[in-house]
Amino acid sequence: MMHIEKGGHLMKYLMIEENKVLFTVNNTDWFPIDEITKDHLLSLLDLAINNDFEMDAFDSSKIANQAHQIIYKNIYDKFIELTRNKTRFSDESEALYKEAIEKYKSTTT
């Protein structure tokens, strides 16, 4: 299981249950992964970046549906990469904005 934790509270958004992969964007309504849309993905990305986020580790032996395996493997790999680089992305963005603010300050004084 992959955990991202803020303030001691975890929220699961992607899980393997009864040989299927399910997702939620509101932690209430769960849908099969093969029904995921672009809007769902964007919501999940936002949740992964800005909130506590948990997802079950990819394990093809626990997923009977081959379509679910393929979809989840791709999503899981991208979310792992995103979460591993989240701090770096945040630091780089902050540095970019800091540079822009410093340039703006120097031109207005």
PDB file of N, CA and C in Angstrom:
ATOM      1  N   MET A   1       0.836  -1.170   0.000  1.00  0.00           N
ATOM      2  CA  MET A   1       0.000   0.000   0.000  1.00  0.00           C
ATOM      3  C   MET A   1       0.883   1.235   0.000  1.00  0.00           C
ATOM      4  N   MET A   2       0.546   2.235  -0.787  1.00  0.00           N
ATOM      5  CA  MET A   2       1.300   3.462  -0.875  1.00  0.00           C
ATOM      6  C   MET A   2       0.597   4.506  -0.039  1.00  0.00           C
ATOM      7  N   HIS A   3       1.313   5.136   0.876  1.00  0.00           N
ATOM      8  CA  HIS A   3       0.706   6.107   1.774  1.00  0.00           C
ATOM      9  C   HIS A   3       1.310   7.483   1.561  1.00  0.00           C
ATOM     10  N   ILE A   4       0.466   8.465   1.528  1.00  0.00           N
ATOM     11  CA  ILE A   4       0.890   9.847   1.615  1.00  0.00           C
ATOM     12  C   ILE A   4       0.100  10.410   2.781  1.00  0.00           C
ATOM     13  N   GLU A   5       0.797  10.969   3.739  1.00  0.00           N
ATOM     14  CA  GLU A   5       0.127  11.350   4.973  1.00  0.00           C
ATOM     15  C   GLU A   5       0.423  12.794   5.311  1.00  0.00           C
ATOM     16  N   LYS A   6      -0.610  13.516   5.686  1.00  0.00           N
ATOM     17  CA  LYS A   6      -0.484  14.868   6.223  1.00  0.00           C
ATOM     18  C   LYS A   6      -1.312  14.922   7.483  1.00  0.00           C
ATOM     19  N   GLY A   7      -0.750  15.360   8.540  1.00  0.00           N
ATOM     20  CA  GLY A   7      -1.506  15.533   9.769  1.00  0.00           C
ATOM     21  C   GLY A   7      -2.043  14.242  10.359  1.00  0.00           C
ATOM     22  N   GLY A   8      -1.441  13.105  10.010  1.00  0.00           N
ATOM     23  CA  GLY A   8      -1.821  11.846  10.612  1.00  0.00           C
ATOM     24  C   GLY A   8      -3.085  11.211  10.073  1.00  0.00           C
ATOM     25  N   HIS A   9      -3.669  11.747   9.003  1.00  0.00           N
ATOM     26  CA  HIS A   9      -4.920  11.203   8.482  1.00  0.00           C
ATOM     27  C   HIS A   9      -4.732  10.786   7.023  1.00  0.00           C
ATOM     28  N   LEU A  10      -5.049   9.527   6.737  1.00  0.00           N
ATOM     29  CA  LEU A  10      -4.892   9.001   5.383  1.00  0.00           C
ATOM     30  C   LEU A  10      -6.243   8.864   4.703  1.00  0.00           C
ATOM     31  N   MET A  11      -6.259   9.114   3.413  1.00  0.00           N
ATOM     32  CA  MET A  11      -7.455   8.926   2.614  1.00  0.00           C
ATOM     33  C   MET A  11      -7.095   7.995   1.461  1.00  0.00           C
ATOM     34  N   LYS A  12      -7.873   6.928   1.302  1.00  0.00           N
ATOM     35  CA  LYS A  12      -7.629   5.988   0.212  1.00  0.00           C
ATOM     36  C   LYS A  12      -8.509   6.361  -0.967  1.00  0.00           C
ATOM     37  N   TYR A  13      -7.890   6.430  -2.160  1.00  0.00           N
ATOM     38  CA  TYR A  13      -8.616   6.796  -3.369  1.00  0.00           C
ATOM     39  C   TYR A  13      -8.570   5.713  -4.444  1.00  0.00           C
ATOM     40  N   LEU A  14      -7.638   4.791  -4.349  1.00  0.00           N
ATOM     41  CA  LEU A  14      -7.520   3.685  -5.305  1.00  0.00           C
ATOM     42  C   LEU A  14      -7.294   2.407  -4.513  1.00  0.00           C
ATOM     43  N   MET A  15      -8.149   1.392  -4.736  1.00  0.00           N
ATOM     44  CA  MET A  15      -7.981   0.167  -3.962  1.00  0.00           C
ATOM     45  C   MET A  15      -8.336  -1.065  -4.783  1.00  0.00           C
ATOM     46  N   ILE A  16      -7.737  -2.165  -4.375  1.00  0.00           N
ATOM     47  CA  ILE A  16      -8.031  -3.465  -4.965  1.00  0.00           C
ATOM     48  C   ILE A  16      -8.948  -4.193  -3.985  1.00  0.00           C
ATOM     49  N   GLU A  17     -10.109  -4.601  -4.494  1.00  0.00           N
ATOM     50  CA  GLU A  17     -11.076  -5.286  -3.650  1.00  0.00           C
ATOM     51  C   GLU A  17     -11.820  -6.323  -4.474  1.00  0.00           C
ATOM     52  N   GLU A  18     -11.884  -7.536  -3.961  1.00  0.00           N
ATOM     53  CA  GLU A  18     -12.571  -8.643  -4.625  1.00  0.00           C
ATOM     54  C   GLU A  18     -12.125  -8.794  -6.083  1.00  0.00           C
ATOM     55  N   ASN A  19     -10.816  -8.767  -6.308  1.00  0.00           N
ATOM     56  CA  ASN A  19     -10.188  -8.954  -7.617  1.00  0.00           C
ATOM     57  C   ASN A  19     -10.478  -7.839  -8.619  1.00  0.00           C
ATOM     58  N   LYS A  20     -10.953  -6.695  -8.134  1.00  0.00           N
ATOM     59  CA  LYS A  20     -11.221  -5.547  -8.994  1.00  0.00           C
ATOM     60  C   LYS A  20     -10.511  -4.325  -8.423  1.00  0.00           C
ATOM     61  N   VAL A  21     -10.257  -3.352  -9.294  1.00  0.00           N
ATOM     62  CA  VAL A  21      -9.692  -2.084  -8.846  1.00  0.00           C
ATOM     63  C   VAL A  21     -10.820  -1.059  -8.834  1.00  0.00           C
ATOM     64  N   LEU A  22     -10.925  -0.355  -7.724  1.00  0.00           N
ATOM     65  CA  LEU A  22     -11.950   0.673  -7.556  1.00  0.00           C
ATOM     66  C   LEU A  22     -11.286   2.009  -7.268  1.00  0.00           C
ATOM     67  N   PHE A  23     -11.977   3.088  -7.634  1.00  0.00           N
ATOM     68  CA  PHE A  23     -11.462   4.426  -7.338  1.00  0.00           C
ATOM     69  C   PHE A  23     -12.597   5.285  -6.811  1.00  0.00           C
ATOM     70  N   THR A  24     -12.213   6.340  -6.111  1.00  0.00           N
ATOM     71  CA  THR A  24     -13.162   7.338  -5.632  1.00  0.00           C
ATOM     72  C   THR A  24     -12.503   8.707  -5.719  1.00  0.00           C
ATOM     73  N   VAL A  25     -13.317   9.714  -5.906  1.00  0.00           N
ATOM     74  CA  VAL A  25     -12.804  11.085  -5.839  1.00  0.00           C
ATOM     75  C   VAL A  25     -13.411  11.829  -4.662  1.00  0.00           C
ATOM     76  N   ASN A  26     -14.359  11.161  -3.960  1.00  0.00           N
ATOM     77  CA  ASN A  26     -15.003  11.821  -2.820  1.00  0.00           C
ATOM     78  C   ASN A  26     -14.981  10.960  -1.556  1.00  0.00           C
ATOM     79  N   ASN A  27     -14.317   9.813  -1.635  1.00  0.00           N
ATOM     80  CA  ASN A  27     -14.191   8.876  -0.515  1.00  0.00           C
ATOM     81  C   ASN A  27     -15.540   8.316  -0.050  1.00  0.00           C
ATOM     82  N   THR A  28     -16.535   8.413  -0.916  1.00  0.00           N
ATOM     83  CA  THR A  28     -17.860   7.868  -0.623  1.00  0.00           C
ATOM     84  C   THR A  28     -18.315   6.921  -1.727  1.00  0.00           C
ATOM     85  N   ASP A  29     -18.321   7.416  -2.957  1.00  0.00           N
ATOM     86  CA  ASP A  29     -18.776   6.644  -4.108  1.00  0.00           C
ATOM     87  C   ASP A  29     -17.579   5.974  -4.779  1.00  0.00           C
ATOM     88  N   TRP A  30     -17.640   4.644  -4.919  1.00  0.00           N
ATOM     89  CA  TRP A  30     -16.547   3.873  -5.504  1.00  0.00           C
ATOM     90  C   TRP A  30     -16.977   3.321  -6.857  1.00  0.00           C
ATOM     91  N   PHE A  31     -16.064   3.408  -7.846  1.00  0.00           N
ATOM     92  CA  PHE A  31     -16.355   2.973  -9.205  1.00  0.00           C
ATOM     93  C   PHE A  31     -15.248   2.059  -9.712  1.00  0.00           C
ATOM     94  N   PRO A  32     -15.584   1.144 -10.625  1.00  0.00           N
ATOM     95  CA  PRO A  32     -14.541   0.304 -11.235  1.00  0.00           C
ATOM     96  C   PRO A  32     -13.568   1.172 -12.039  1.00  0.00           C
ATOM     97  N   ILE A  33     -12.312   0.810 -12.003  1.00  0.00           N
ATOM     98  CA  ILE A  33     -11.264   1.610 -12.645  1.00  0.00           C
ATOM     99  C   ILE A  33     -11.478   1.758 -14.149  1.00  0.00           C
ATOM    100  N   ASP A  34     -12.170   0.792 -14.781  1.00  0.00           N
ATOM    101  CA  ASP A  34     -12.387   0.912 -16.224  1.00  0.00           C
ATOM    102  C   ASP A  34     -13.456   1.954 -16.574  1.00  0.00           C
ATOM    103  N   GLU A  35     -14.071   2.565 -15.569  1.00  0.00           N
ATOM    104  CA  GLU A  35     -15.023   3.658 -15.793  1.00  0.00           C
ATOM    105  C   GLU A  35     -14.395   5.028 -15.546  1.00  0.00           C
ATOM    106  N   ILE A  36     -13.092   5.071 -15.302  1.00  0.00           N
ATOM    107  CA  ILE A  36     -12.420   6.331 -14.991  1.00  0.00           C
ATOM    108  C   ILE A  36     -12.393   7.230 -16.228  1.00  0.00           C
ATOM    109  N   THR A  37     -12.612   8.520 -15.998  1.00  0.00           N
ATOM    110  CA  THR A  37     -12.609   9.503 -17.079  1.00  0.00           C
ATOM    111  C   THR A  37     -11.442  10.476 -16.885  1.00  0.00           C
ATOM    112  N   LYS A  38     -11.258  11.320 -17.854  1.00  0.00           N
ATOM    113  CA  LYS A  38     -10.226  12.356 -17.762  1.00  0.00           C
ATOM    114  C   LYS A  38     -10.495  13.256 -16.554  1.00  0.00           C
ATOM    115  N   ASP A  39     -11.749  13.609 -16.331  1.00  0.00           N
ATOM    116  CA  ASP A  39     -12.098  14.456 -15.180  1.00  0.00           C
ATOM    117  C   ASP A  39     -11.794  13.761 -13.856  1.00  0.00           C
ATOM    118  N   HIS A  40     -12.062  12.456 -13.792  1.00  0.00           N
ATOM    119  CA  HIS A  40     -11.714  11.703 -12.576  1.00  0.00           C
ATOM    120  C   HIS A  40     -10.206  11.739 -12.346  1.00  0.00           C
ATOM    121  N   LEU A  41      -9.447  11.511 -13.405  1.00  0.00           N
ATOM    122  CA  LEU A  41      -7.979  11.531 -13.282  1.00  0.00           C
ATOM    123  C   LEU A  41      -7.481  12.884 -12.802  1.00  0.00           C
ATOM    124  N   LEU A  42      -8.036  13.943 -13.356  1.00  0.00           N
ATOM    125  CA  LEU A  42      -7.628  15.285 -12.925  1.00  0.00           C
ATOM    126  C   LEU A  42      -7.970  15.511 -11.456  1.00  0.00           C
ATOM    127  N   SER A  43      -9.127  15.034 -11.026  1.00  0.00           N
ATOM    128  CA  SER A  43      -9.503  15.144  -9.609  1.00  0.00           C
ATOM    129  C   SER A  43      -8.542  14.357  -8.724  1.00  0.00           C
ATOM    130  N   LEU A  44      -8.204  13.144  -9.151  1.00  0.00           N
ATOM    131  CA  LEU A  44      -7.266  12.326  -8.379  1.00  0.00           C
ATOM    132  C   LEU A  44      -5.890  12.979  -8.305  1.00  0.00           C
ATOM    133  N   LEU A  45      -5.445  13.562  -9.414  1.00  0.00           N
ATOM    134  CA  LEU A  45      -4.157  14.267  -9.402  1.00  0.00           C
ATOM    135  C   LEU A  45      -4.181  15.418  -8.404  1.00  0.00           C
ATOM    136  N   ASP A  46      -5.254  16.173  -8.429  1.00  0.00           N
ATOM    137  CA  ASP A  46      -5.388  17.280  -7.492  1.00  0.00           C
ATOM    138  C   ASP A  46      -5.368  16.778  -6.047  1.00  0.00           C
ATOM    139  N   LEU A  47      -6.081  15.684  -5.803  1.00  0.00           N
ATOM    140  CA  LEU A  47      -6.104  15.104  -4.456  1.00  0.00           C
ATOM    141  C   LEU A  47      -4.719  14.617  -4.038  1.00  0.00           C
ATOM    142  N   ALA A  48      -4.001  13.991  -4.953  1.00  0.00           N
ATOM    143  CA  ALA A  48      -2.665  13.474  -4.637  1.00  0.00           C
ATOM    144  C   ALA A  48      -1.689  14.601  -4.337  1.00  0.00           C
ATOM    145  N   ILE A  49      -1.855  15.717  -5.007  1.00  0.00           N
ATOM    146  CA  ILE A  49      -0.946  16.845  -4.817  1.00  0.00           C
ATOM    147  C   ILE A  49      -1.277  17.621  -3.547  1.00  0.00           C
ATOM    148  N   ASN A  50      -2.551  17.790  -3.266  1.00  0.00           N
ATOM    149  CA  ASN A  50      -2.965  18.713  -2.213  1.00  0.00           C
ATOM    150  C   ASN A  50      -3.504  18.079  -0.937  1.00  0.00           C
ATOM    151  N   ASN A  51      -3.667  16.762  -0.911  1.00  0.00           N
ATOM    152  CA  ASN A  51      -4.311  16.127   0.239  1.00  0.00           C
ATOM    153  C   ASN A  51      -3.569  14.870   0.649  1.00  0.00           C
ATOM    154  N   ASP A  52      -4.062  14.289   1.730  1.00  0.00           N
ATOM    155  CA  ASP A  52      -3.613  12.969   2.147  1.00  0.00           C
ATOM    156  C   ASP A  52      -4.080  11.990   1.083  1.00  0.00           C
ATOM    157  N   PHE A  53      -3.254  11.024   0.737  1.00  0.00           N
ATOM    158  CA  PHE A  53      -3.584  10.146  -0.393  1.00  0.00           C
ATOM    159  C   PHE A  53      -3.029   8.760  -0.136  1.00  0.00           C
ATOM    160  N   GLU A  54      -3.865   7.761  -0.341  1.00  0.00           N
ATOM    161  CA  GLU A  54      -3.441   6.376  -0.182  1.00  0.00           C
ATOM    162  C   GLU A  54      -3.971   5.582  -1.356  1.00  0.00           C
ATOM    163  N   MET A  55      -3.171   4.628  -1.816  1.00  0.00           N
ATOM    164  CA  MET A  55      -3.619   3.705  -2.855  1.00  0.00           C
ATOM    165  C   MET A  55      -2.969   2.357  -2.618  1.00  0.00           C
ATOM    166  N   ASP A  56      -3.698   1.305  -2.963  1.00  0.00           N
ATOM    167  CA  ASP A  56      -3.154  -0.040  -2.813  1.00  0.00           C
ATOM    168  C   ASP A  56      -2.026  -0.244  -3.814  1.00  0.00           C
ATOM    169  N   ALA A  57      -1.002  -0.972  -3.394  1.00  0.00           N
ATOM    170  CA  ALA A  57       0.113  -1.296  -4.281  1.00  0.00           C
ATOM    171  C   ALA A  57      -0.384  -2.159  -5.438  1.00  0.00           C
ATOM    172  N   PHE A  58       0.182  -1.923  -6.605  1.00  0.00           N
ATOM    173  CA  PHE A  58      -0.209  -2.731  -7.760  1.00  0.00           C
ATOM    174  C   PHE A  58       0.261  -4.160  -7.548  1.00  0.00           C
ATOM    175  N   ASP A  59      -0.646  -5.104  -7.734  1.00  0.00           N
ATOM    176  CA  ASP A  59      -0.346  -6.529  -7.621  1.00  0.00           C
ATOM    177  C   ASP A  59      -1.260  -7.260  -8.595  1.00  0.00           C
ATOM    178  N   SER A  60      -0.723  -7.640  -9.741  1.00  0.00           N
ATOM    179  CA  SER A  60      -1.551  -8.253 -10.789  1.00  0.00           C
ATOM    180  C   SER A  60      -2.202  -9.551 -10.323  1.00  0.00           C
ATOM    181  N   SER A  61      -1.598 -10.233  -9.351  1.00  0.00           N
ATOM    182  CA  SER A  61      -2.181 -11.484  -8.869  1.00  0.00           C
ATOM    183  C   SER A  61      -3.474 -11.259  -8.074  1.00  0.00           C
ATOM    184  N   LYS A  62      -3.708 -10.017  -7.646  1.00  0.00           N
ATOM    185  CA  LYS A  62      -4.922  -9.691  -6.896  1.00  0.00           C
ATOM    186  C   LYS A  62      -6.017  -9.092  -7.781  1.00  0.00           C
ATOM    187  N   ILE A  63      -5.711  -8.931  -9.085  1.00  0.00           N
ATOM    188  CA  ILE A  63      -6.657  -8.296 -10.007  1.00  0.00           C
ATOM    189  C   ILE A  63      -6.987  -9.282 -11.123  1.00  0.00           C
ATOM    190  N   ALA A  64      -8.232  -9.769 -11.152  1.00  0.00           N
ATOM    191  CA  ALA A  64      -8.635 -10.783 -12.123  1.00  0.00           C
ATOM    192  C   ALA A  64      -8.859 -10.198 -13.518  1.00  0.00           C
ATOM    193  N   ASN A  65      -9.411  -9.005 -13.576  1.00  0.00           N
ATOM    194  CA  ASN A  65      -9.747  -8.381 -14.850  1.00  0.00           C
ATOM    195  C   ASN A  65      -8.491  -7.784 -15.491  1.00  0.00           C
ATOM    196  N   GLN A  66      -8.171  -8.254 -16.697  1.00  0.00           N
ATOM    197  CA  GLN A  66      -6.946  -7.795 -17.361  1.00  0.00           C
ATOM    198  C   GLN A  66      -6.998  -6.303 -17.701  1.00  0.00           C
ATOM    199  N   ALA A  67      -8.176  -5.806 -18.060  1.00  0.00           N
ATOM    200  CA  ALA A  67      -8.308  -4.373 -18.341  1.00  0.00           C
ATOM    201  C   ALA A  67      -8.005  -3.568 -17.086  1.00  0.00           C
ATOM    202  N   HIS A  68      -8.495  -4.027 -15.947  1.00  0.00           N
ATOM    203  CA  HIS A  68      -8.213  -3.351 -14.672  1.00  0.00           C
ATOM    204  C   HIS A  68      -6.710  -3.375 -14.384  1.00  0.00           C
ATOM    205  N   GLN A  69      -6.059  -4.498 -14.679  1.00  0.00           N
ATOM    206  CA  GLN A  69      -4.608  -4.609 -14.469  1.00  0.00           C
ATOM    207  C   GLN A  69      -3.863  -3.555 -15.271  1.00  0.00           C
ATOM    208  N   ILE A  70      -4.183  -3.451 -16.549  1.00  0.00           N
ATOM    209  CA  ILE A  70      -3.479  -2.521 -17.445  1.00  0.00           C
ATOM    210  C   ILE A  70      -3.720  -1.077 -17.027  1.00  0.00           C
ATOM    211  N   ILE A  71      -4.984  -0.734 -16.794  1.00  0.00           N
ATOM    212  CA  ILE A  71      -5.326   0.645 -16.409  1.00  0.00           C
ATOM    213  C   ILE A  71      -4.676   1.004 -15.078  1.00  0.00           C
ATOM    214  N   TYR A  72      -4.801   0.114 -14.092  1.00  0.00           N
ATOM    215  CA  TYR A  72      -4.264   0.431 -12.769  1.00  0.00           C
ATOM    216  C   TYR A  72      -2.742   0.492 -12.768  1.00  0.00           C
ATOM    217  N   LYS A  73      -2.100  -0.390 -13.494  1.00  0.00           N
ATOM    218  CA  LYS A  73      -0.628  -0.380 -13.570  1.00  0.00           C
ATOM    219  C   LYS A  73      -0.148   0.984 -14.076  1.00  0.00           C
ATOM    220  N   ASN A  74      -0.781   1.482 -15.133  1.00  0.00           N
ATOM    221  CA  ASN A  74      -0.383   2.778 -15.696  1.00  0.00           C
ATOM    222  C   ASN A  74      -0.656   3.923 -14.721  1.00  0.00           C
ATOM    223  N   ILE A  75      -1.828   3.919 -14.130  1.00  0.00           N
ATOM    224  CA  ILE A  75      -2.169   4.980 -13.171  1.00  0.00           C
ATOM    225  C   ILE A  75      -1.268   4.897 -11.943  1.00  0.00           C
ATOM    226  N   TYR A  76      -1.083   3.708 -11.420  1.00  0.00           N
ATOM    227  CA  TYR A  76      -0.262   3.515 -10.223  1.00  0.00           C
ATOM    228  C   TYR A  76       1.162   4.019 -10.455  1.00  0.00           C
ATOM    229  N   ASP A  77       1.756   3.633 -11.575  1.00  0.00           N
ATOM    230  CA  ASP A  77       3.131   4.062 -11.868  1.00  0.00           C
ATOM    231  C   ASP A  77       3.242   5.588 -11.943  1.00  0.00           C
ATOM    232  N   LYS A  78       2.280   6.227 -12.569  1.00  0.00           N
ATOM    233  CA  LYS A  78       2.309   7.695 -12.683  1.00  0.00           C
ATOM    234  C   LYS A  78       2.124   8.367 -11.319  1.00  0.00           C
ATOM    235  N   PHE A  79       1.241   7.823 -10.505  1.00  0.00           N
ATOM    236  CA  PHE A  79       1.022   8.414  -9.182  1.00  0.00           C
ATOM    237  C   PHE A  79       2.231   8.199  -8.273  1.00  0.00           C
ATOM    238  N   ILE A  80       2.883   7.055  -8.394  1.00  0.00           N
ATOM    239  CA  ILE A  80       4.117   6.830  -7.624  1.00  0.00           C
ATOM    240  C   ILE A  80       5.160   7.866  -8.016  1.00  0.00           C
ATOM    241  N   GLU A  81       5.336   8.072  -9.311  1.00  0.00           N
ATOM    242  CA  GLU A  81       6.308   9.063  -9.792  1.00  0.00           C
ATOM    243  C   GLU A  81       5.937  10.460  -9.299  1.00  0.00           C
ATOM    244  N   LEU A  82       4.681  10.808  -9.388  1.00  0.00           N
ATOM    245  CA  LEU A  82       4.219  12.120  -8.931  1.00  0.00           C
ATOM    246  C   LEU A  82       4.490  12.315  -7.445  1.00  0.00           C
ATOM    247  N   THR A  83       4.122  11.332  -6.648  1.00  0.00           N
ATOM    248  CA  THR A  83       4.280  11.493  -5.205  1.00  0.00           C
ATOM    249  C   THR A  83       5.741  11.494  -4.780  1.00  0.00           C
ATOM    250  N   ARG A  84       6.571  10.745  -5.471  1.00  0.00           N
ATOM    251  CA  ARG A  84       8.007  10.754  -5.146  1.00  0.00           C
ATOM    252  C   ARG A  84       8.635  12.095  -5.466  1.00  0.00           C
ATOM    253  N   ASN A  85       8.114  12.754  -6.494  1.00  0.00           N
ATOM    254  CA  ASN A  85       8.688  14.017  -6.923  1.00  0.00           C
ATOM    255  C   ASN A  85       7.898  15.227  -6.445  1.00  0.00           C
ATOM    256  N   LYS A  86       6.889  14.990  -5.645  1.00  0.00           N
ATOM    257  CA  LYS A  86       6.005  16.056  -5.181  1.00  0.00           C
ATOM    258  C   LYS A  86       6.773  17.180  -4.482  1.00  0.00           C
ATOM    259  N   THR A  87       7.654  16.824  -3.593  1.00  0.00           N
ATOM    260  CA  THR A  87       8.434  17.827  -2.874  1.00  0.00           C
ATOM    261  C   THR A  87       9.327  18.602  -3.831  1.00  0.00           C
ATOM    262  N   ARG A  88       9.958  17.885  -4.736  1.00  0.00           N
ATOM    263  CA  ARG A  88      10.828  18.549  -5.708  1.00  0.00           C
ATOM    264  C   ARG A  88      10.019  19.511  -6.581  1.00  0.00           C
ATOM    265  N   PHE A  89       8.842  19.069  -7.065  1.00  0.00           N
ATOM    266  CA  PHE A  89       7.994  19.929  -7.884  1.00  0.00           C
ATOM    267  C   PHE A  89       7.597  21.176  -7.099  1.00  0.00           C
ATOM    268  N   SER A  90       7.234  20.977  -5.847  1.00  0.00           N
ATOM    269  CA  SER A  90       6.834  22.095  -5.001  1.00  0.00           C
ATOM    270  C   SER A  90       7.991  23.074  -4.812  1.00  0.00           C
ATOM    271  N   ASP A  91       9.178  22.546  -4.531  1.00  0.00           N
ATOM    272  CA  ASP A  91      10.355  23.392  -4.344  1.00  0.00           C
ATOM    273  C   ASP A  91      10.706  24.160  -5.614  1.00  0.00           C
ATOM    274  N   GLU A  92      10.636  23.477  -6.764  1.00  0.00           N
ATOM    275  CA  GLU A  92      10.946  24.130  -8.031  1.00  0.00           C
ATOM    276  C   GLU A  92       9.934  25.228  -8.344  1.00  0.00           C
ATOM    277  N   SER A  93       8.656  24.956  -8.089  1.00  0.00           N
ATOM    278  CA  SER A  93       7.620  25.964  -8.332  1.00  0.00           C
ATOM    279  C   SER A  93       7.831  27.170  -7.427  1.00  0.00           C
ATOM    280  N   GLU A  94       8.129  26.897  -6.169  1.00  0.00           N
ATOM    281  CA  GLU A  94       8.367  27.969  -5.212  1.00  0.00           C
ATOM    282  C   GLU A  94       9.560  28.813  -5.646  1.00  0.00           C
ATOM    283  N   ALA A  95      10.613  28.162  -6.120  1.00  0.00           N
ATOM    284  CA  ALA A  95      11.804  28.883  -6.583  1.00  0.00           C
ATOM    285  C   ALA A  95      11.477  29.745  -7.800  1.00  0.00           C
ATOM    286  N   LEU A  96      10.671  29.217  -8.714  1.00  0.00           N
ATOM    287  CA  LEU A  96      10.277  29.995  -9.890  1.00  0.00           C
ATOM    288  C   LEU A  96       9.487  31.234  -9.487  1.00  0.00           C
ATOM    289  N   TYR A  97       8.524  31.056  -8.591  1.00  0.00           N
ATOM    290  CA  TYR A  97       7.727  32.192  -8.149  1.00  0.00           C
ATOM    291  C   TYR A  97       8.574  33.184  -7.374  1.00  0.00           C
ATOM    292  N   LYS A  98       9.506  32.682  -6.588  1.00  0.00           N
ATOM    293  CA  LYS A  98      10.382  33.571  -5.813  1.00  0.00           C
ATOM    294  C   LYS A  98      11.209  34.433  -6.759  1.00  0.00           C
ATOM    295  N   GLU A  99      11.752  33.814  -7.818  1.00  0.00           N
ATOM    296  CA  GLU A  99      12.523  34.561  -8.824  1.00  0.00           C
ATOM    297  C   GLU A  99      11.663  35.635  -9.464  1.00  0.00           C
ATOM    298  N   ALA A 100      10.456  35.267  -9.851  1.00  0.00           N
ATOM    299  CA  ALA A 100       9.557  36.215 -10.501  1.00  0.00           C
ATOM    300  C   ALA A 100       9.199  37.361  -9.562  1.00  0.00           C
ATOM    301  N   ILE A 101       8.948  37.047  -8.305  1.00  0.00           N
ATOM    302  CA  ILE A 101       8.614  38.086  -7.321  1.00  0.00           C
ATOM    303  C   ILE A 101       9.796  39.018  -7.123  1.00  0.00           C
ATOM    304  N   GLU A 102      11.001  38.455  -7.018  1.00  0.00           N
ATOM    305  CA  GLU A 102      12.200  39.290  -6.840  1.00  0.00           C
ATOM    306  C   GLU A 102      12.393  40.213  -8.048  1.00  0.00           C
ATOM    307  N   LYS A 103      12.190  39.684  -9.251  1.00  0.00           N
ATOM    308  CA  LYS A 103      12.324  40.513 -10.461  1.00  0.00           C
ATOM    309  C   LYS A 103      11.275  41.621 -10.456  1.00  0.00           C
ATOM    310  N   TYR A 104      10.046  41.276 -10.088  1.00  0.00           N
ATOM    311  CA  TYR A 104       8.977  42.263 -10.044  1.00  0.00           C
ATOM    312  C   TYR A 104       9.294  43.345  -9.033  1.00  0.00           C
ATOM    313  N   LYS A 105       9.781  42.968  -7.858  1.00  0.00           N
ATOM    314  CA  LYS A 105      10.108  43.940  -6.817  1.00  0.00           C
ATOM    315  C   LYS A 105      11.202  44.886  -7.280  1.00  0.00           C
ATOM    316  N   SER A 106      12.193  44.342  -7.986  1.00  0.00           N
ATOM    317  CA  SER A 106      13.318  45.176  -8.412  1.00  0.00           C
ATOM    318  C   SER A 106      12.910  46.159  -9.522  1.00  0.00           C
ATOM    319  N   THR A 107      11.894  45.817 -10.286  1.00  0.00           N
ATOM    320  CA  THR A 107      11.459  46.733 -11.356  1.00  0.00           C
ATOM    321  C   THR A 107      10.478  47.770 -10.852  1.00  0.00           C
ATOM    322  N   THR A 108       9.867  47.540  -9.706  1.00  0.00           N
ATOM    323  CA  THR A 108       8.887  48.492  -9.178  1.00  0.00           C
ATOM    324  C   THR A 108       9.481  49.454  -8.164  1.00  0.00           C
ATOM    325  N   THR A 109      10.730  49.253  -7.767  1.00  0.00           N
ATOM    326  CA  THR A 109      11.327  50.151  -6.769  1.00  0.00           C
ATOM    327  C   THR A 109      12.290  51.104  -7.402  1.00  0.00           C
TER     328      THR A 109
END
